Amino acid sequence: MKTTRILALLGLLALTAAAPAVAQETTIKPGWWESTNTASMIISKTERERRCITPADVDKILSGRINRHYTCTYPEKRVGEGKMYFKGVCVDKRGRQVNVTANGTYSPTAFELNADLSGKYGGIPLAASMSTKAKRIGDTCLGDPVKL
């Protein structure tokens, strides 16, 4: 190979290596996670737990589904580039509604979500806040959730 071809090939390889990679969306990795969950409404309660996050759980987290007791609808929802935002209404099985505004951040190995909730209970307006801060601590799930 001629020297000019070698230099051209090396130049092309250098340009290719220096070119920015196509941004690939990151998501939460399934595995064994530890979370700290805090709920504040008149009094504050914090719980820590370790649990398995499955691929289906990743979808639930990034969809803003609170838990199996509520059905949530978010007319305003943005998830991407490591950030999430939800604004909408969650309804329980008895038809009670809670307004939700939540935002947070996520990466493959950590996420944080903060939510403000408001609604009425027995006609009395109530407000609460909730937060979850979680980190991935392993690839392998170690069984049922564990309260710490």
Protein backbone atom coordinates (compact mmCIF):
# COMPACT_ATOMS: atom_id res chain seq x y z
CA MET A 1 0.00 0.00 0.00
CA LYS A 2 1.36 3.41 -0.87
CA THR A 3 2.21 5.83 1.90
CA THR A 4 -0.49 8.30 0.78
CA ARG A 5 -3.15 5.58 0.95
CA ILE A 6 -1.98 4.56 4.44
CA LEU A 7 -2.06 8.19 5.60
CA ALA A 8 -5.51 8.67 4.03
CA LEU A 9 -6.77 5.50 5.74
CA LEU A 10 -5.30 6.58 9.09
CA GLY A 11 -6.87 10.02 8.66
CA LEU A 12 -10.25 8.45 7.90
CA LEU A 13 -9.98 6.17 10.96
CA ALA A 14 -9.06 9.14 13.15
CA LEU A 15 -12.05 11.13 11.87
CA THR A 16 -14.36 8.19 12.47
CA ALA A 17 -13.08 7.74 16.02
CA ALA A 18 -13.39 11.45 16.75
CA ALA A 19 -16.93 11.75 15.31
CA PRO A 20 -19.63 11.88 17.99
CA ALA A 21 -21.48 8.62 18.42
CA VAL A 22 -25.18 8.57 17.71
CA ALA A 23 -26.91 9.32 20.98
CA GLN A 24 -28.51 6.16 22.27
CA GLU A 25 -31.33 6.54 24.77
CA THR A 26 -30.40 5.18 28.15
CA THR A 27 -32.91 3.54 30.41
CA ILE A 28 -33.02 1.97 33.83
CA LYS A 29 -31.26 -1.42 33.92
CA PRO A 30 -33.12 -4.33 35.47
CA GLY A 31 -31.49 -5.92 38.50
CA TRP A 32 -31.32 -5.70 42.31
CA TRP A 33 -32.05 -2.16 43.55
CA GLU A 34 -32.09 -0.31 46.85
CA SER A 35 -34.53 2.57 47.29
CA THR A 36 -35.43 5.14 49.89
CA ASN A 37 -39.10 6.14 49.72
CA THR A 38 -40.46 9.12 51.63
CA ALA A 39 -44.10 10.19 51.96
CA SER A 40 -45.07 13.44 53.69
CA MET A 41 -48.63 14.34 54.62
CA ILE A 42 -48.92 15.99 58.02
CA ILE A 43 -46.21 13.57 59.20
CA SER A 44 -43.33 12.14 57.23
CA LYS A 45 -42.53 8.46 56.79
CA THR A 46 -39.39 7.02 55.18
CA GLU A 47 -38.85 3.40 54.20
CA ARG A 48 -35.84 1.71 52.66
CA GLU A 49 -36.04 -1.49 50.70
CA ARG A 50 -34.19 -3.74 48.32
CA ARG A 51 -36.10 -5.28 45.47
CA CYS A 52 -35.85 -6.68 42.00
CA ILE A 53 -36.61 -4.34 39.12
CA THR A 54 -37.64 -6.38 36.08
CA PRO A 55 -37.90 -5.09 32.50
CA ALA A 56 -41.67 -4.70 33.07
CA ASP A 57 -40.94 -2.62 36.21
CA VAL A 58 -38.68 -0.33 34.16
CA ASP A 59 -41.63 0.38 31.87
CA LYS A 60 -43.85 1.11 34.89
CA ILE A 61 -41.33 3.54 36.38
CA LEU A 62 -40.84 5.39 33.10
CA SER A 63 -44.61 5.45 32.52
CA GLY A 64 -45.38 7.01 35.91
CA ARG A 65 -47.55 4.14 37.13
CA ILE A 66 -47.66 4.57 40.89
CA ASN A 67 -48.79 1.10 41.94
CA ARG A 68 -51.47 -1.50 41.34
CA HIS A 69 -54.04 0.41 43.42
CA TYR A 70 -54.27 3.38 41.04
CA THR A 71 -54.90 3.92 37.35
CA CYS A 72 -53.08 7.04 36.21
CA THR A 73 -53.56 9.24 33.15
CA TYR A 74 -50.93 11.82 32.29
CA PRO A 75 -51.95 14.34 29.61
CA GLU A 76 -48.53 15.92 30.19
CA LYS A 77 -45.73 13.38 30.04
CA ARG A 78 -42.12 13.74 28.99
CA VAL A 79 -39.55 10.98 29.34
CA GLY A 80 -36.15 11.05 27.68
CA GLU A 81 -32.55 12.11 27.92
CA GLY A 82 -32.41 11.05 31.57
CA LYS A 83 -35.39 13.15 32.69
CA MET A 84 -39.03 12.36 33.42
CA TYR A 85 -42.06 14.58 34.04
CA PHE A 86 -45.69 13.60 34.61
CA LYS A 87 -48.76 15.71 35.27
CA GLY A 88 -52.19 14.15 35.50
CA VAL A 89 -54.70 12.29 37.62
CA CYS A 90 -54.63 8.93 39.37
CA VAL A 91 -57.88 7.18 40.35
CA ASP A 92 -58.24 4.33 42.84
CA LYS A 93 -60.70 1.42 42.62
CA ARG A 94 -63.31 3.41 44.58
CA GLY A 95 -63.14 6.34 42.15
CA ARG A 96 -61.17 8.69 44.42
CA GLN A 97 -58.94 11.02 42.42
CA VAL A 98 -55.50 12.40 43.19
CA ASN A 99 -53.82 15.10 41.11
CA VAL A 100 -50.17 14.27 40.48
CA THR A 101 -47.22 16.35 39.34
CA ALA A 102 -43.95 14.44 39.32
CA ASN A 103 -40.48 14.96 37.95
CA GLY A 104 -37.18 13.24 38.23
CA THR A 105 -34.04 11.93 36.65
CA TYR A 106 -32.83 8.49 35.67
CA SER A 107 -29.77 6.65 34.42
CA PRO A 108 -29.03 2.96 33.96
CA THR A 109 -27.98 2.66 37.62
CA ALA A 110 -29.99 5.28 39.53
CA PHE A 111 -33.22 7.22 39.51
CA GLU A 112 -34.93 9.85 41.59
CA LEU A 113 -38.59 10.86 41.42
CA ASN A 114 -40.37 13.59 43.39
CA ALA A 115 -44.15 13.95 43.31
CA ASP A 116 -46.67 16.43 44.66
CA LEU A 117 -50.16 15.03 45.21
CA SER A 118 -53.43 16.82 45.91
CA GLY A 119 -57.02 15.76 46.25
CA LYS A 120 -59.94 15.57 48.62
CA TYR A 121 -60.76 13.01 51.26
CA GLY A 122 -64.27 13.26 52.69
CA GLY A 123 -64.55 16.68 51.07
CA ILE A 124 -61.45 17.97 52.85
CA PRO A 125 -58.60 19.15 50.60
CA LEU A 126 -55.35 17.28 51.25
CA ALA A 127 -51.84 17.64 49.85
CA ALA A 128 -48.86 15.34 50.10
CA SER A 129 -45.42 14.84 48.64
CA MET A 130 -43.58 11.65 47.86
CA SER A 131 -40.06 10.90 46.74
CA THR A 132 -38.07 7.88 45.71
CA LYS A 133 -34.32 7.77 45.40
CA ALA A 134 -32.94 4.47 44.11
CA LYS A 135 -29.66 2.93 43.05
CA ARG A 136 -28.84 -0.34 41.34
CA ILE A 137 -26.73 -2.58 43.56
CA GLY A 138 -26.47 -5.76 41.50
CA ASP A 139 -27.20 -7.68 38.33
CA THR A 140 -28.84 -10.62 40.10
CA CYS A 141 -32.17 -10.38 41.88
CA LEU A 142 -32.01 -11.90 45.34
CA GLY A 143 -35.64 -12.88 45.85
CA ASP A 144 -38.56 -11.06 47.41
CA PRO A 145 -38.38 -7.37 48.42
CA VAL A 146 -36.57 -6.77 51.70
CA LYS A 147 -37.41 -3.89 54.07
CA LEU A 148 -34.31 -2.35 55.63
